[in-house]
Amino acid sequence: LKRQLDEIKEAHAATVIERKEEHKRQLDELKESYLATMSERLDEIKESHLTTISEHEEEHKRQLDDLRESHLATLSAREEEHKCQLAELRENHLETLREREMVHTCQLDELRESHMATVAERESVHRCQ
């Protein structure tokens, strides 16, 4: 009976050791599987993140290009408007100068005529004396 009991204890101890090793092996397999799955998932997340960053950079570049084009178009339009305004101002200034020149010419003609009349009058007074 004691021998049977010792045999049962030995068999039980061997079974416990076997199960413990089997559980350890299963746990190691589960860890490996979990780590592989997490590694794959992390790679997917990294790839997704890089794709998102790339898409955002492309969109940002497009927005900057659109803004640059809009800004350049606005500057070009303003430059053209300023050119037109300057041309108009130049024409107005030239017209003002022409008008003043005509006024001055008329004034000079009047002064010359007045001077000539004065000279003629003085000459006539000197002749009469």
Protein backbone atom coordinates (compact mmCIF):
# COMPACT_ATOMS: atom_id res chain seq x y z
CA LEU A 1 0.00 0.00 0.00
CA LYS A 2 2.83 2.35 0.86
CA ARG A 3 4.52 1.46 -2.39
CA GLN A 4 1.31 2.16 -4.31
CA LEU A 5 0.95 5.45 -2.50
CA ASP A 6 4.58 6.36 -3.35
CA GLU A 7 3.95 5.38 -6.98
CA ILE A 8 0.81 7.52 -7.07
CA LYS A 9 2.75 10.45 -5.53
CA GLU A 10 5.53 10.03 -8.07
CA ALA A 11 3.04 9.80 -10.92
CA HIS A 12 1.20 12.85 -9.57
CA ALA A 13 4.48 14.79 -9.21
CA ALA A 14 5.45 13.81 -12.75
CA THR A 15 2.00 14.90 -14.04
CA VAL A 16 2.29 18.23 -12.19
CA ILE A 17 5.75 18.80 -13.70
CA GLU A 18 4.47 17.88 -17.19
CA ARG A 19 1.48 20.19 -16.86
CA LYS A 20 3.67 22.97 -15.50
CA GLU A 21 6.02 22.62 -18.48
CA GLU A 22 3.03 22.42 -20.88
CA HIS A 23 1.52 25.57 -19.34
CA LYS A 24 4.89 27.35 -19.57
CA ARG A 25 5.23 26.31 -23.23
CA GLN A 26 1.65 27.49 -23.97
CA LEU A 27 2.30 30.77 -22.16
CA ASP A 28 5.50 31.30 -24.16
CA GLU A 29 3.62 30.57 -27.40
CA LEU A 30 0.89 33.03 -26.40
CA LYS A 31 3.53 35.67 -25.56
CA GLU A 32 5.22 35.12 -28.91
CA SER A 33 1.92 35.30 -30.75
CA TYR A 34 0.91 38.43 -28.82
CA LEU A 35 4.27 40.12 -29.49
CA ALA A 36 4.09 39.22 -33.20
CA THR A 37 0.52 40.57 -33.42
CA MET A 38 1.47 43.77 -31.57
CA SER A 39 4.55 44.20 -33.76
CA GLU A 40 2.41 43.84 -36.90
CA ARG A 41 -0.18 46.24 -35.50
CA LEU A 42 2.54 48.75 -34.58
CA ASP A 43 3.95 48.53 -38.12
CA GLU A 44 0.46 49.13 -39.52
CA ILE A 45 -0.01 52.14 -37.22
CA LYS A 46 3.41 53.53 -38.21
CA GLU A 47 2.61 53.08 -41.90
CA SER A 48 -0.81 54.69 -41.45
CA HIS A 49 0.77 57.57 -39.53
CA LEU A 50 3.41 58.11 -42.23
CA THR A 51 0.69 58.05 -44.90
CA THR A 52 -1.35 60.60 -42.93
CA ILE A 53 1.68 62.84 -42.49
CA SER A 54 2.48 62.58 -46.19
CA GLU A 55 -1.12 63.43 -47.13
CA HIS A 56 -1.12 66.42 -44.76
CA GLU A 57 2.18 67.65 -46.17
CA GLU A 58 0.81 67.34 -49.73
CA GLU A 59 -2.36 69.21 -48.76
CA HIS A 60 -0.34 71.89 -47.00
CA LYS A 61 1.88 72.26 -50.07
CA ARG A 62 -1.21 72.58 -52.29
CA GLN A 63 -2.65 75.20 -49.96
CA LEU A 64 0.62 77.16 -50.00
CA ASP A 65 0.75 76.95 -53.80
CA ASP A 66 -2.85 78.19 -54.03
CA LEU A 67 -2.11 81.01 -51.60
CA ARG A 68 1.04 81.96 -53.52
CA GLU A 69 -0.87 82.00 -56.83
CA SER A 70 -3.66 84.08 -55.31
CA HIS A 71 -1.18 86.48 -53.76
CA LEU A 72 0.75 86.86 -57.01
CA ALA A 73 -2.48 87.45 -58.95
CA THR A 74 -3.50 90.11 -56.42
CA LEU A 75 -0.09 91.75 -56.63
CA SER A 76 -0.19 91.68 -60.41
CA ALA A 77 -3.66 93.24 -60.46
CA ARG A 78 -2.58 95.93 -58.01
CA GLU A 79 0.56 96.63 -60.01
CA GLU A 80 -1.53 97.01 -63.17
CA GLU A 81 -3.95 99.28 -61.32
CA HIS A 82 -1.05 101.41 -60.05
CA LYS A 83 0.40 101.64 -63.55
CA CYS A 84 -2.96 102.88 -64.84
CA GLN A 85 -3.21 105.38 -62.00
CA LEU A 86 0.31 106.63 -62.67
CA ALA A 87 -0.43 106.98 -66.38
CA GLU A 88 -3.58 108.92 -65.55
CA LEU A 89 -1.69 111.15 -63.10
CA ARG A 90 1.04 111.75 -65.70
CA GLU A 91 -1.58 112.73 -68.30
CA ASN A 92 -3.30 115.04 -65.82
CA HIS A 93 0.03 116.58 -64.87
CA LEU A 94 1.02 117.08 -68.52
CA GLU A 95 -2.37 118.65 -69.24
CA THR A 96 -1.91 120.99 -66.27
CA LEU A 97 1.57 121.91 -67.51
CA ARG A 98 0.22 122.58 -71.03
CA GLU A 99 -2.54 124.76 -69.62
CA ARG A 100 -0.08 126.70 -67.48
CA GLU A 101 2.29 127.06 -70.42
CA MET A 102 -0.58 128.47 -72.51
CA VAL A 103 -1.51 130.86 -69.70
CA HIS A 104 2.13 131.95 -69.33
CA THR A 105 2.47 132.35 -73.10
CA CYS A 106 -0.65 134.53 -73.16
CA GLN A 107 0.63 136.54 -70.21
CA LEU A 108 4.01 136.97 -71.92
CA ASP A 109 2.28 138.03 -75.13
CA GLU A 110 0.22 140.55 -73.18
CA LEU A 111 3.32 141.83 -71.37
CA ARG A 112 5.21 142.08 -74.66
CA GLU A 113 2.32 143.95 -76.28
CA SER A 114 2.03 146.20 -73.23
CA HIS A 115 5.76 146.78 -73.22
CA MET A 116 5.81 147.47 -76.95
CA ALA A 117 2.90 149.88 -76.53
CA THR A 118 4.76 151.64 -73.70
CA VAL A 119 7.95 151.80 -75.78
CA ALA A 120 6.02 153.08 -78.80
CA GLU A 121 4.29 155.67 -76.64
CA ARG A 122 7.59 156.88 -75.16
CA GLU A 123 9.19 157.02 -78.57
CA SER A 124 6.27 159.01 -79.83
CA VAL A 125 6.57 161.37 -76.82
CA HIS A 126 10.33 161.77 -77.50
CA ARG A 127 9.71 162.53 -81.16
CA CYS A 128 7.15 165.08 -80.29
CA GLN A 129 9.50 166.93 -78.01
